[in-house]
Amino acid sequence: MIGSLETEVLKALRRLGSGSARQVLRELGKEGDKLAYTTVATVLSRLFEKGLVRRTREPCRGGERYVYRTVDFEHKYLVNVLKGVVALFGPSGVVHLNEELAKLNPSEERELRRRLKL
């Protein structure tokens, strides 16, 4: 699971494509978020540890910095959610999930299939 601040940082990074902690901080500032640089750097580091972003080192004034890029985590996340449904609720959970999926309109179903890579 990821928290709301992690979600906002991921959204900002996705809008950028890639960026340093300072660039992500500026992007978040455009949305009105007022965060400290250290907060953004810590969140990015935690997202890296969770495997939700990749990072590379690059030279900059005064040394080096990390440049972050999002990974395609939606597929991995959604598959884990589905596994969780099966583990928690067993066959009845799968039946209920199928009933809910049957209620989707065609465009929602296509989008879900695209995200799950089905």
PDB file of N, CA and C in Angstrom:
ATOM      1  N   MET A   1       0.835  -1.180   0.000  1.00  0.00           N
ATOM      2  CA  MET A   1       0.000   0.000   0.000  1.00  0.00           C
ATOM      3  C   MET A   1       0.881   1.245   0.000  1.00  0.00           C
ATOM      4  N   ILE A   2       0.355   2.276  -0.612  1.00  0.00           N
ATOM      5  CA  ILE A   2       1.072   3.538  -0.580  1.00  0.00           C
ATOM      6  C   ILE A   2       0.133   4.601  -0.025  1.00  0.00           C
ATOM      7  N   GLY A   3       0.735   5.562   0.660  1.00  0.00           N
ATOM      8  CA  GLY A   3      -0.045   6.618   1.284  1.00  0.00           C
ATOM      9  C   GLY A   3      -0.377   7.743   0.320  1.00  0.00           C
ATOM     10  N   SER A   4      -1.131   8.705   0.817  1.00  0.00           N
ATOM     11  CA  SER A   4      -1.575   9.816  -0.037  1.00  0.00           C
ATOM     12  C   SER A   4      -0.413  10.691  -0.484  1.00  0.00           C
ATOM     13  N   LEU A   5       0.566  10.931   0.389  1.00  0.00           N
ATOM     14  CA  LEU A   5       1.722  11.741   0.000  1.00  0.00           C
ATOM     15  C   LEU A   5       2.549  11.014  -1.055  1.00  0.00           C
ATOM     16  N   GLU A   6       2.728   9.707  -0.879  1.00  0.00           N
ATOM     17  CA  GLU A   6       3.444   8.925  -1.888  1.00  0.00           C
ATOM     18  C   GLU A   6       2.717   8.969  -3.231  1.00  0.00           C
ATOM     19  N   THR A   7       1.402   8.910  -3.185  1.00  0.00           N
ATOM     20  CA  THR A   7       0.600   8.977  -4.404  1.00  0.00           C
ATOM     21  C   THR A   7       0.802  10.313  -5.107  1.00  0.00           C
ATOM     22  N   GLU A   8       0.792  11.396  -4.359  1.00  0.00           N
ATOM     23  CA  GLU A   8       0.982  12.731  -4.951  1.00  0.00           C
ATOM     24  C   GLU A   8       2.374  12.866  -5.562  1.00  0.00           C
ATOM     25  N   VAL A   9       3.383  12.337  -4.878  1.00  0.00           N
ATOM     26  CA  VAL A   9       4.747  12.386  -5.408  1.00  0.00           C
ATOM     27  C   VAL A   9       4.842  11.568  -6.692  1.00  0.00           C
ATOM     28  N   LEU A  10       4.227  10.395  -6.715  1.00  0.00           N
ATOM     29  CA  LEU A  10       4.220   9.575  -7.932  1.00  0.00           C
ATOM     30  C   LEU A  10       3.528  10.287  -9.087  1.00  0.00           C
ATOM     31  N   LYS A  11       2.407  10.944  -8.807  1.00  0.00           N
ATOM     32  CA  LYS A  11       1.702  11.679  -9.858  1.00  0.00           C
ATOM     33  C   LYS A  11       2.574  12.796 -10.416  1.00  0.00           C
ATOM     34  N   ALA A  12       3.233  13.523  -9.528  1.00  0.00           N
ATOM     35  CA  ALA A  12       4.106  14.613  -9.969  1.00  0.00           C
ATOM     36  C   ALA A  12       5.258  14.069 -10.811  1.00  0.00           C
ATOM     37  N   LEU A  13       5.843  12.974 -10.373  1.00  0.00           N
ATOM     38  CA  LEU A  13       6.947  12.381 -11.119  1.00  0.00           C
ATOM     39  C   LEU A  13       6.474  11.861 -12.466  1.00  0.00           C
ATOM     40  N   ARG A  14       5.301  11.295 -12.506  1.00  0.00           N
ATOM     41  CA  ARG A  14       4.753  10.808 -13.773  1.00  0.00           C
ATOM     42  C   ARG A  14       4.529  11.967 -14.747  1.00  0.00           C
ATOM     43  N   ARG A  15       4.047  13.105 -14.246  1.00  0.00           N
ATOM     44  CA  ARG A  15       3.867  14.274 -15.109  1.00  0.00           C
ATOM     45  C   ARG A  15       5.198  14.742 -15.677  1.00  0.00           C
ATOM     46  N   LEU A  16       6.250  14.667 -14.862  1.00  0.00           N
ATOM     47  CA  LEU A  16       7.583  15.095 -15.304  1.00  0.00           C
ATOM     48  C   LEU A  16       8.231  14.088 -16.250  1.00  0.00           C
ATOM     49  N   GLY A  17       7.919  12.838 -16.085  1.00  0.00           N
ATOM     50  CA  GLY A  17       8.608  11.783 -16.834  1.00  0.00           C
ATOM     51  C   GLY A  17       9.795  11.268 -16.053  1.00  0.00           C
ATOM     52  N   SER A  18      10.658  12.166 -15.638  1.00  0.00           N
ATOM     53  CA  SER A  18      11.768  11.853 -14.743  1.00  0.00           C
ATOM     54  C   SER A  18      12.192  13.159 -14.095  1.00  0.00           C
ATOM     55  N   GLY A  19      12.837  13.040 -12.935  1.00  0.00           N
ATOM     56  CA  GLY A  19      13.272  14.267 -12.278  1.00  0.00           C
ATOM     57  C   GLY A  19      13.952  14.007 -10.954  1.00  0.00           C
ATOM     58  N   SER A  20      14.653  15.022 -10.517  1.00  0.00           N
ATOM     59  CA  SER A  20      15.316  14.978  -9.210  1.00  0.00           C
ATOM     60  C   SER A  20      14.292  15.328  -8.131  1.00  0.00           C
ATOM     61  N   ALA A  21      14.698  15.188  -6.894  1.00  0.00           N
ATOM     62  CA  ALA A  21      13.802  15.535  -5.786  1.00  0.00           C
ATOM     63  C   ALA A  21      13.400  17.004  -5.873  1.00  0.00           C
ATOM     64  N   ARG A  22      14.341  17.868  -6.246  1.00  0.00           N
ATOM     65  CA  ARG A  22      14.030  19.296  -6.348  1.00  0.00           C
ATOM     66  C   ARG A  22      13.015  19.569  -7.467  1.00  0.00           C
ATOM     67  N   GLN A  23      13.165  18.879  -8.588  1.00  0.00           N
ATOM     68  CA  GLN A  23      12.211  19.056  -9.684  1.00  0.00           C
ATOM     69  C   GLN A  23      10.820  18.552  -9.295  1.00  0.00           C
ATOM     70  N   VAL A  24      10.770  17.445  -8.580  1.00  0.00           N
ATOM     71  CA  VAL A  24       9.483  16.923  -8.110  1.00  0.00           C
ATOM     72  C   VAL A  24       8.862  17.906  -7.119  1.00  0.00           C
ATOM     73  N   LEU A  25       9.684  18.476  -6.252  1.00  0.00           N
ATOM     74  CA  LEU A  25       9.201  19.475  -5.294  1.00  0.00           C
ATOM     75  C   LEU A  25       8.576  20.660  -6.026  1.00  0.00           C
ATOM     76  N   ARG A  26       9.245  21.148  -7.072  1.00  0.00           N
ATOM     77  CA  ARG A  26       8.692  22.265  -7.854  1.00  0.00           C
ATOM     78  C   ARG A  26       7.364  21.882  -8.512  1.00  0.00           C
ATOM     79  N   GLU A  27       7.305  20.652  -9.038  1.00  0.00           N
ATOM     80  CA  GLU A  27       6.073  20.181  -9.680  1.00  0.00           C
ATOM     81  C   GLU A  27       4.935  20.112  -8.672  1.00  0.00           C
ATOM     82  N   LEU A  28       5.216  19.638  -7.480  1.00  0.00           N
ATOM     83  CA  LEU A  28       4.202  19.591  -6.429  1.00  0.00           C
ATOM     84  C   LEU A  28       3.768  20.999  -6.038  1.00  0.00           C
ATOM     85  N   GLY A  29       4.697  21.936  -6.063  1.00  0.00           N
ATOM     86  CA  GLY A  29       4.377  23.327  -5.741  1.00  0.00           C
ATOM     87  C   GLY A  29       3.401  23.942  -6.718  1.00  0.00           C
ATOM     88  N   LYS A  30       3.428  23.495  -7.963  1.00  0.00           N
ATOM     89  CA  LYS A  30       2.477  23.988  -8.970  1.00  0.00           C
ATOM     90  C   LYS A  30       1.047  23.619  -8.603  1.00  0.00           C
ATOM     91  N   GLU A  31       0.897  22.516  -7.879  1.00  0.00           N
ATOM     92  CA  GLU A  31      -0.419  22.049  -7.444  1.00  0.00           C
ATOM     93  C   GLU A  31      -0.819  22.670  -6.104  1.00  0.00           C
ATOM     94  N   GLY A  32       0.059  23.510  -5.566  1.00  0.00           N
ATOM     95  CA  GLY A  32      -0.253  24.169  -4.298  1.00  0.00           C
ATOM     96  C   GLY A  32       0.276  23.448  -3.077  1.00  0.00           C
ATOM     97  N   ASP A  33       0.949  22.324  -3.276  1.00  0.00           N
ATOM     98  CA  ASP A  33       1.501  21.585  -2.135  1.00  0.00           C
ATOM     99  C   ASP A  33       2.736  22.312  -1.606  1.00  0.00           C
ATOM    100  N   LYS A  34       2.802  22.481  -0.303  1.00  0.00           N
ATOM    101  CA  LYS A  34       3.955  23.120   0.325  1.00  0.00           C
ATOM    102  C   LYS A  34       4.654  22.078   1.186  1.00  0.00           C
ATOM    103  N   LEU A  35       5.720  21.532   0.630  1.00  0.00           N
ATOM    104  CA  LEU A  35       6.466  20.489   1.316  1.00  0.00           C
ATOM    105  C   LEU A  35       7.929  20.888   1.408  1.00  0.00           C
ATOM    106  N   ALA A  36       8.626  20.310   2.352  1.00  0.00           N
ATOM    107  CA  ALA A  36      10.060  20.529   2.458  1.00  0.00           C
ATOM    108  C   ALA A  36      10.791  19.629   1.465  1.00  0.00           C
ATOM    109  N   TYR A  37      11.931  20.091   1.016  1.00  0.00           N
ATOM    110  CA  TYR A  37      12.758  19.299   0.107  1.00  0.00           C
ATOM    111  C   TYR A  37      13.072  17.937   0.720  1.00  0.00           C
ATOM    112  N   THR A  38      13.420  17.931   2.004  1.00  0.00           N
ATOM    113  CA  THR A  38      13.778  16.669   2.662  1.00  0.00           C
ATOM    114  C   THR A  38      12.616  15.692   2.697  1.00  0.00           C
ATOM    115  N   THR A  39      11.399  16.210   2.802  1.00  0.00           N
ATOM    116  CA  THR A  39      10.216  15.352   2.791  1.00  0.00           C
ATOM    117  C   THR A  39      10.084  14.654   1.445  1.00  0.00           C
ATOM    118  N   VAL A  40      10.219  15.421   0.365  1.00  0.00           N
ATOM    119  CA  VAL A  40      10.111  14.852  -0.983  1.00  0.00           C
ATOM    120  C   VAL A  40      11.231  13.849  -1.226  1.00  0.00           C
ATOM    121  N   ALA A  41      12.449  14.184  -0.818  1.00  0.00           N
ATOM    122  CA  ALA A  41      13.584  13.275  -1.002  1.00  0.00           C
ATOM    123  C   ALA A  41      13.362  11.968  -0.235  1.00  0.00           C
ATOM    124  N   THR A  42      12.828  12.057   0.970  1.00  0.00           N
ATOM    125  CA  THR A  42      12.556  10.864   1.773  1.00  0.00           C
ATOM    126  C   THR A  42      11.473  10.005   1.130  1.00  0.00           C
ATOM    127  N   VAL A  43      10.400  10.647   0.654  1.00  0.00           N
ATOM    128  CA  VAL A  43       9.313   9.901   0.010  1.00  0.00           C
ATOM    129  C   VAL A  43       9.835   9.198  -1.240  1.00  0.00           C
ATOM    130  N   LEU A  44      10.636   9.888  -2.054  1.00  0.00           N
ATOM    131  CA  LEU A  44      11.204   9.265  -3.257  1.00  0.00           C
ATOM    132  C   LEU A  44      12.089   8.081  -2.895  1.00  0.00           C
ATOM    133  N   SER A  45      12.863   8.216  -1.839  1.00  0.00           N
ATOM    134  CA  SER A  45      13.716   7.116  -1.392  1.00  0.00           C
ATOM    135  C   SER A  45      12.876   5.909  -0.959  1.00  0.00           C
ATOM    136  N   ARG A  46      11.787   6.166  -0.261  1.00  0.00           N
ATOM    137  CA  ARG A  46      10.897   5.076   0.165  1.00  0.00           C
ATOM    138  C   ARG A  46      10.206   4.422  -1.033  1.00  0.00           C
ATOM    139  N   LEU A  47       9.819   5.231  -2.003  1.00  0.00           N
ATOM    140  CA  LEU A  47       9.211   4.679  -3.218  1.00  0.00           C
ATOM    141  C   LEU A  47      10.218   3.811  -3.975  1.00  0.00           C
ATOM    142  N   PHE A  48      11.471   4.209  -3.951  1.00  0.00           N
ATOM    143  CA  PHE A  48      12.525   3.403  -4.573  1.00  0.00           C
ATOM    144  C   PHE A  48      12.659   2.066  -3.847  1.00  0.00           C
ATOM    145  N   GLU A  49      12.656   2.105  -2.528  1.00  0.00           N
ATOM    146  CA  GLU A  49      12.754   0.878  -1.730  1.00  0.00           C
ATOM    147  C   GLU A  49      11.574  -0.059  -1.985  1.00  0.00           C
ATOM    148  N   LYS A  50      10.402   0.499  -2.269  1.00  0.00           N
ATOM    149  CA  LYS A  50       9.206  -0.297  -2.557  1.00  0.00           C
ATOM    150  C   LYS A  50       9.166  -0.788  -4.001  1.00  0.00           C
ATOM    151  N   GLY A  51      10.116  -0.343  -4.814  1.00  0.00           N
ATOM    152  CA  GLY A  51      10.161  -0.770  -6.208  1.00  0.00           C
ATOM    153  C   GLY A  51       9.203  -0.020  -7.121  1.00  0.00           C
ATOM    154  N   LEU A  52       8.715   1.128  -6.680  1.00  0.00           N
ATOM    155  CA  LEU A  52       7.753   1.886  -7.479  1.00  0.00           C
ATOM    156  C   LEU A  52       8.402   2.950  -8.355  1.00  0.00           C
ATOM    157  N   VAL A  53       9.666   3.273  -8.066  1.00  0.00           N
ATOM    158  CA  VAL A  53      10.433   4.182  -8.920  1.00  0.00           C
ATOM    159  C   VAL A  53      11.835   3.611  -9.106  1.00  0.00           C
ATOM    160  N   ARG A  54      12.460   4.021 -10.182  1.00  0.00           N
ATOM    161  CA  ARG A  54      13.868   3.698 -10.418  1.00  0.00           C
ATOM    162  C   ARG A  54      14.658   4.981 -10.234  1.00  0.00           C
ATOM    163  N   ARG A  55      15.943   4.843  -9.964  1.00  0.00           N
ATOM    164  CA  ARG A  55      16.767   6.032  -9.850  1.00  0.00           C
ATOM    165  C   ARG A  55      18.147   5.777 -10.420  1.00  0.00           C
ATOM    166  N   THR A  56      18.719   6.826 -10.949  1.00  0.00           N
ATOM    167  CA  THR A  56      20.087   6.804 -11.448  1.00  0.00           C
ATOM    168  C   THR A  56      20.810   8.011 -10.870  1.00  0.00           C
ATOM    169  N   ARG A  57      22.119   7.879 -10.750  1.00  0.00           N
ATOM    170  CA  ARG A  57      22.924   9.003 -10.269  1.00  0.00           C
ATOM    171  C   ARG A  57      23.376   9.816 -11.465  1.00  0.00           C
ATOM    172  N   GLU A  58      23.396  11.111 -11.274  1.00  0.00           N
ATOM    173  CA  GLU A  58      23.934  11.975 -12.318  1.00  0.00           C
ATOM    174  C   GLU A  58      24.707  13.106 -11.656  1.00  0.00           C
ATOM    175  N   PRO A  59      25.757  13.566 -12.324  1.00  0.00           N
ATOM    176  CA  PRO A  59      26.532  14.674 -11.749  1.00  0.00           C
ATOM    177  C   PRO A  59      25.722  15.969 -11.772  1.00  0.00           C
ATOM    178  N   CYS A  60      25.947  16.787 -10.791  1.00  0.00           N
ATOM    179  CA  CYS A  60      25.333  18.112 -10.736  1.00  0.00           C
ATOM    180  C   CYS A  60      26.290  19.037 -10.001  1.00  0.00           C
ATOM    181  N   ARG A  61      25.949  20.308  -9.933  1.00  0.00           N
ATOM    182  CA  ARG A  61      26.817  21.234  -9.201  1.00  0.00           C
ATOM    183  C   ARG A  61      27.003  20.747  -7.783  1.00  0.00           C
ATOM    184  N   GLY A  62      28.226  20.652  -7.367  1.00  0.00           N
ATOM    185  CA  GLY A  62      28.505  20.270  -5.988  1.00  0.00           C
ATOM    186  C   GLY A  62      28.502  18.781  -5.720  1.00  0.00           C
ATOM    187  N   GLY A  63      28.350  17.945  -6.723  1.00  0.00           N
ATOM    188  CA  GLY A  63      28.388  16.508  -6.484  1.00  0.00           C
ATOM    189  C   GLY A  63      27.492  15.713  -7.404  1.00  0.00           C
ATOM    190  N   GLU A  64      26.683  14.858  -6.804  1.00  0.00           N
ATOM    191  CA  GLU A  64      25.775  13.999  -7.565  1.00  0.00           C
ATOM    192  C   GLU A  64      24.373  14.099  -6.983  1.00  0.00           C
ATOM    193  N   ARG A  65      23.411  13.684  -7.795  1.00  0.00           N
ATOM    194  CA  ARG A  65      22.026  13.625  -7.332  1.00  0.00           C
ATOM    195  C   ARG A  65      21.365  12.423  -7.980  1.00  0.00           C
ATOM    196  N   TYR A  66      20.265  12.013  -7.390  1.00  0.00           N
ATOM    197  CA  TYR A  66      19.467  10.954  -7.984  1.00  0.00           C
ATOM    198  C   TYR A  66      18.436  11.576  -8.922  1.00  0.00           C
ATOM    199  N   VAL A  67      18.234  10.912 -10.028  1.00  0.00           N
ATOM    200  CA  VAL A  67      17.142  11.261 -10.935  1.00  0.00           C
ATOM    201  C   VAL A  67      16.196  10.062 -10.928  1.00  0.00           C
ATOM    202  N   TYR A  68      14.936  10.321 -10.652  1.00  0.00           N
ATOM    203  CA  TYR A  68      13.937   9.275 -10.482  1.00  0.00           C
ATOM    204  C   TYR A  68      13.039   9.167 -11.707  1.00  0.00           C
ATOM    205  N   ARG A  69      12.540   7.965 -11.940  1.00  0.00           N
ATOM    206  CA  ARG A  69      11.591   7.682 -13.022  1.00  0.00           C
ATOM    207  C   ARG A  69      10.612   6.641 -12.491  1.00  0.00           C
ATOM    208  N   THR A  70       9.329   6.818 -12.821  1.00  0.00           N
ATOM    209  CA  THR A  70       8.344   5.846 -12.354  1.00  0.00           C
ATOM    210  C   THR A  70       8.491   4.541 -13.128  1.00  0.00           C
ATOM    211  N   VAL A  71       8.056   3.481 -12.516  1.00  0.00           N
ATOM    212  CA  VAL A  71       7.991   2.185 -13.195  1.00  0.00           C
ATOM    213  C   VAL A  71       6.512   1.857 -13.386  1.00  0.00           C
ATOM    214  N   ASP A  72       6.242   0.913 -14.244  1.00  0.00           N
ATOM    215  CA  ASP A  72       4.851   0.507 -14.472  1.00  0.00           C
ATOM    216  C   ASP A  72       4.422  -0.359 -13.291  1.00  0.00           C
ATOM    217  N   PHE A  73       3.901   0.292 -12.274  1.00  0.00           N
ATOM    218  CA  PHE A  73       3.518  -0.429 -11.070  1.00  0.00           C
ATOM    219  C   PHE A  73       2.041  -0.790 -11.054  1.00  0.00           C
ATOM    220  N   GLU A  74       1.254  -0.199 -11.951  1.00  0.00           N
ATOM    221  CA  GLU A  74      -0.188  -0.473 -11.915  1.00  0.00           C
ATOM    222  C   GLU A  74      -0.483  -1.956 -12.081  1.00  0.00           C
ATOM    223  N   HIS A  75       0.166  -2.575 -13.051  1.00  0.00           N
ATOM    224  CA  HIS A  75      -0.071  -3.997 -13.307  1.00  0.00           C
ATOM    225  C   HIS A  75       0.260  -4.816 -12.064  1.00  0.00           C
ATOM    226  N   LYS A  76       1.442  -4.584 -11.515  1.00  0.00           N
ATOM    227  CA  LYS A  76       1.884  -5.316 -10.329  1.00  0.00           C
ATOM    228  C   LYS A  76       0.920  -5.087  -9.153  1.00  0.00           C
ATOM    229  N   TYR A  77       0.502  -3.845  -8.973  1.00  0.00           N
ATOM    230  CA  TYR A  77      -0.394  -3.507  -7.875  1.00  0.00           C
ATOM    231  C   TYR A  77      -1.756  -4.174  -8.042  1.00  0.00           C
ATOM    232  N   LEU A  78      -2.326  -4.082  -9.236  1.00  0.00           N
ATOM    233  CA  LEU A  78      -3.646  -4.668  -9.474  1.00  0.00           C
ATOM    234  C   LEU A  78      -3.627  -6.187  -9.343  1.00  0.00           C
ATOM    235  N   VAL A  79      -2.572  -6.819  -9.814  1.00  0.00           N
ATOM    236  CA  VAL A  79      -2.457  -8.269  -9.680  1.00  0.00           C
ATOM    237  C   VAL A  79      -2.390  -8.644  -8.199  1.00  0.00           C
ATOM    238  N   ASN A  80      -1.648  -7.868  -7.410  1.00  0.00           N
ATOM    239  CA  ASN A  80      -1.573  -8.144  -5.971  1.00  0.00           C
ATOM    240  C   ASN A  80      -2.922  -7.949  -5.291  1.00  0.00           C
ATOM    241  N   VAL A  81      -3.677  -6.959  -5.732  1.00  0.00           N
ATOM    242  CA  VAL A  81      -5.025  -6.757  -5.183  1.00  0.00           C
ATOM    243  C   VAL A  81      -5.897  -7.973  -5.478  1.00  0.00           C
ATOM    244  N   LEU A  82      -5.839  -8.455  -6.711  1.00  0.00           N
ATOM    245  CA  LEU A  82      -6.642  -9.629  -7.074  1.00  0.00           C
ATOM    246  C   LEU A  82      -6.224 -10.859  -6.271  1.00  0.00           C
ATOM    247  N   LYS A  83      -4.928 -11.043  -6.087  1.00  0.00           N
ATOM    248  CA  LYS A  83      -4.454 -12.165  -5.265  1.00  0.00           C
ATOM    249  C   LYS A  83      -4.950 -12.022  -3.828  1.00  0.00           C
ATOM    250  N   GLY A  84      -4.986 -10.782  -3.344  1.00  0.00           N
ATOM    251  CA  GLY A  84      -5.476 -10.532  -1.987  1.00  0.00           C
ATOM    252  C   GLY A  84      -6.945 -10.885  -1.841  1.00  0.00           C
ATOM    253  N   VAL A  85      -7.745 -10.579  -2.853  1.00  0.00           N
ATOM    254  CA  VAL A  85      -9.166 -10.934  -2.828  1.00  0.00           C
ATOM    255  C   VAL A  85      -9.324 -12.446  -2.724  1.00  0.00           C
ATOM    256  N   VAL A  86      -8.559 -13.155  -3.527  1.00  0.00           N
ATOM    257  CA  VAL A  86      -8.640 -14.617  -3.514  1.00  0.00           C
ATOM    258  C   VAL A  86      -8.192 -15.160  -2.155  1.00  0.00           C
ATOM    259  N   ALA A  87      -7.084 -14.626  -1.625  1.00  0.00           N
ATOM    260  CA  ALA A  87      -6.561 -15.120  -0.352  1.00  0.00           C
ATOM    261  C   ALA A  87      -7.506 -14.824   0.809  1.00  0.00           C
ATOM    262  N   LEU A  88      -8.112 -13.638   0.802  1.00  0.00           N
ATOM    263  CA  LEU A  88      -8.976 -13.243   1.924  1.00  0.00           C
ATOM    264  C   LEU A  88     -10.364 -13.849   1.867  1.00  0.00           C
ATOM    265  N   PHE A  89     -10.935 -13.920   0.662  1.00  0.00           N
ATOM    266  CA  PHE A  89     -12.342 -14.284   0.553  1.00  0.00           C
ATOM    267  C   PHE A  89     -12.605 -15.604  -0.161  1.00  0.00           C
ATOM    268  N   GLY A  90     -11.569 -16.186  -0.741  1.00  0.00           N
ATOM    269  CA  GLY A  90     -11.738 -17.475  -1.410  1.00  0.00           C
ATOM    270  C   GLY A  90     -12.691 -17.405  -2.582  1.00  0.00           C
ATOM    271  N   PRO A  91     -13.337 -18.530  -2.883  1.00  0.00           N
ATOM    272  CA  PRO A  91     -14.221 -18.600  -4.049  1.00  0.00           C
ATOM    273  C   PRO A  91     -15.363 -17.588  -4.026  1.00  0.00           C
ATOM    274  N   SER A  92     -15.926 -17.300  -2.855  1.00  0.00           N
ATOM    275  CA  SER A  92     -17.037 -16.343  -2.813  1.00  0.00           C
ATOM    276  C   SER A  92     -16.557 -14.936  -3.185  1.00  0.00           C
ATOM    277  N   GLY A  93     -15.337 -14.604  -2.835  1.00  0.00           N
ATOM    278  CA  GLY A  93     -14.779 -13.312  -3.222  1.00  0.00           C
ATOM    279  C   GLY A  93     -14.602 -13.204  -4.717  1.00  0.00           C
ATOM    280  N   VAL A  94     -14.176 -14.296  -5.328  1.00  0.00           N
ATOM    281  CA  VAL A  94     -14.001 -14.315  -6.786  1.00  0.00           C
ATOM    282  C   VAL A  94     -15.350 -14.171  -7.477  1.00  0.00           C
ATOM    283  N   VAL A  95     -16.368 -14.858  -6.961  1.00  0.00           N
ATOM    284  CA  VAL A  95     -17.714 -14.753  -7.543  1.00  0.00           C
ATOM    285  C   VAL A  95     -18.209 -13.311  -7.449  1.00  0.00           C
ATOM    286  N   HIS A  96     -18.059 -12.696  -6.288  1.00  0.00           N
ATOM    287  CA  HIS A  96     -18.501 -11.310  -6.108  1.00  0.00           C
ATOM    288  C   HIS A  96     -17.715 -10.375  -7.034  1.00  0.00           C
ATOM    289  N   LEU A  97     -16.424 -10.578  -7.125  1.00  0.00           N
ATOM    290  CA  LEU A  97     -15.599  -9.749  -8.012  1.00  0.00           C
ATOM    291  C   LEU A  97     -16.074  -9.871  -9.456  1.00  0.00           C
ATOM    292  N   ASN A  98     -16.363 -11.092  -9.898  1.00  0.00           N
ATOM    293  CA  ASN A  98     -16.873 -11.302 -11.262  1.00  0.00           C
ATOM    294  C   ASN A  98     -18.197 -10.585 -11.475  1.00  0.00           C
ATOM    295  N   GLU A  99     -19.068 -10.614 -10.465  1.00  0.00           N
ATOM    296  CA  GLU A  99     -20.352  -9.919 -10.573  1.00  0.00           C
ATOM    297  C   GLU A  99     -20.144  -8.416 -10.729  1.00  0.00           C
ATOM    298  N   GLU A 100     -19.210  -7.866  -9.974  1.00  0.00           N
ATOM    299  CA  GLU A 100     -18.920  -6.431 -10.061  1.00  0.00           C
ATOM    300  C   GLU A 100     -18.298  -6.081 -11.405  1.00  0.00           C
ATOM    301  N   LEU A 101     -17.402  -6.932 -11.894  1.00  0.00           N
ATOM    302  CA  LEU A 101     -16.773  -6.685 -13.198  1.00  0.00           C
ATOM    303  C   LEU A 101     -17.803  -6.719 -14.323  1.00  0.00           C
ATOM    304  N   ALA A 102     -18.819  -7.550 -14.169  1.00  0.00           N
ATOM    305  CA  ALA A 102     -19.873  -7.644 -15.189  1.00  0.00           C
ATOM    306  C   ALA A 102     -20.680  -6.350 -15.283  1.00  0.00           C
ATOM    307  N   LYS A 103     -20.644  -5.531 -14.240  1.00  0.00           N
ATOM    308  CA  LYS A 103     -21.376  -4.269 -14.237  1.00  0.00           C
ATOM    309  C   LYS A 103     -20.629  -3.142 -14.953  1.00  0.00           C
ATOM    310  N   LEU A 104     -19.365  -3.369 -15.287  1.00  0.00           N
ATOM    311  CA  LEU A 104     -18.582  -2.325 -15.955  1.00  0.00           C
ATOM    312  C   LEU A 104     -19.113  -2.065 -17.353  1.00  0.00           C
ATOM    313  N   ASN A 105     -19.035  -0.803 -17.769  1.00  0.00           N
ATOM    314  CA  ASN A 105     -19.384  -0.527 -19.155  1.00  0.00           C
ATOM    315  C   ASN A 105     -18.183  -0.908 -20.031  1.00  0.00           C
ATOM    316  N   PRO A 106     -18.369  -1.067 -21.327  1.00  0.00           N
ATOM    317  CA  PRO A 106     -17.301  -1.561 -22.195  1.00  0.00           C
ATOM    318  C   PRO A 106     -16.002  -0.753 -22.125  1.00  0.00           C
ATOM    319  N   SER A 107     -16.093   0.569 -22.013  1.00  0.00           N
ATOM    320  CA  SER A 107     -14.863   1.370 -21.963  1.00  0.00           C
ATOM    321  C   SER A 107     -14.111   1.143 -20.653  1.00  0.00           C
ATOM    322  N   GLU A 108     -14.849   0.982 -19.539  1.00  0.00           N
ATOM    323  CA  GLU A 108     -14.198   0.691 -18.253  1.00  0.00           C
ATOM    324  C   GLU A 108     -13.531  -0.682 -18.285  1.00  0.00           C
ATOM    325  N   GLU A 109     -14.201  -1.631 -18.905  1.00  0.00           N
ATOM    326  CA  GLU A 109     -13.628  -2.978 -19.015  1.00  0.00           C
ATOM    327  C   GLU A 109     -12.357  -2.963 -19.859  1.00  0.00           C
ATOM    328  N   ARG A 110     -12.394  -2.252 -20.979  1.00  0.00           N
ATOM    329  CA  ARG A 110     -11.200  -2.155 -21.838  1.00  0.00           C
ATOM    330  C   ARG A 110     -10.034  -1.526 -21.082  1.00  0.00           C
ATOM    331  N   GLU A 111     -10.329  -0.454 -20.303  1.00  0.00           N
ATOM    332  CA  GLU A 111      -9.291   0.209 -19.541  1.00  0.00           C
ATOM    333  C   GLU A 111      -8.701  -0.726 -18.478  1.00  0.00           C
ATOM    334  N   LEU A 112      -9.551  -1.482 -17.804  1.00  0.00           N
ATOM    335  CA  LEU A 112      -9.066  -2.440 -16.807  1.00  0.00           C
ATOM    336  C   LEU A 112      -8.205  -3.516 -17.466  1.00  0.00           C
ATOM    337  N   ARG A 113      -8.663  -4.045 -18.591  1.00  0.00           N
ATOM    338  CA  ARG A 113      -7.880  -5.057 -19.312  1.00  0.00           C
ATOM    339  C   ARG A 113      -6.533  -4.491 -19.761  1.00  0.00           C
ATOM    340  N   ARG A 114      -6.534  -3.216 -20.211  1.00  0.00           N
ATOM    341  CA  ARG A 114      -5.289  -2.591 -20.629  1.00  0.00           C
ATOM    342  C   ARG A 114      -4.323  -2.493 -19.456  1.00  0.00           C
ATOM    343  N   ARG A 115      -4.842  -2.069 -18.306  1.00  0.00           N
ATOM    344  CA  ARG A 115      -3.986  -1.921 -17.125  1.00  0.00           C
ATOM    345  C   ARG A 115      -3.465  -3.258 -16.619  1.00  0.00           C
ATOM    346  N   LEU A 116      -4.277  -4.287 -16.729  1.00  0.00           N
ATOM    347  CA  LEU A 116      -3.857  -5.630 -16.305  1.00  0.00           C
ATOM    348  C   LEU A 116      -3.048  -6.351 -17.388  1.00  0.00           C
ATOM    349  N   LYS A 117      -2.975  -5.739 -18.557  1.00  0.00           N
ATOM    350  CA  LYS A 117      -2.253  -6.314 -19.695  1.00  0.00           C
ATOM    351  C   LYS A 117      -2.862  -7.671 -20.086  1.00  0.00           C
ATOM    352  N   LEU A 118      -4.181  -7.697 -20.150  1.00  0.00           N
ATOM    353  CA  LEU A 118      -4.899  -8.924 -20.551  1.00  0.00           C
ATOM    354  C   LEU A 118      -5.264  -8.859 -22.006  1.00  0.00           C
TER     355      LEU A 118
END
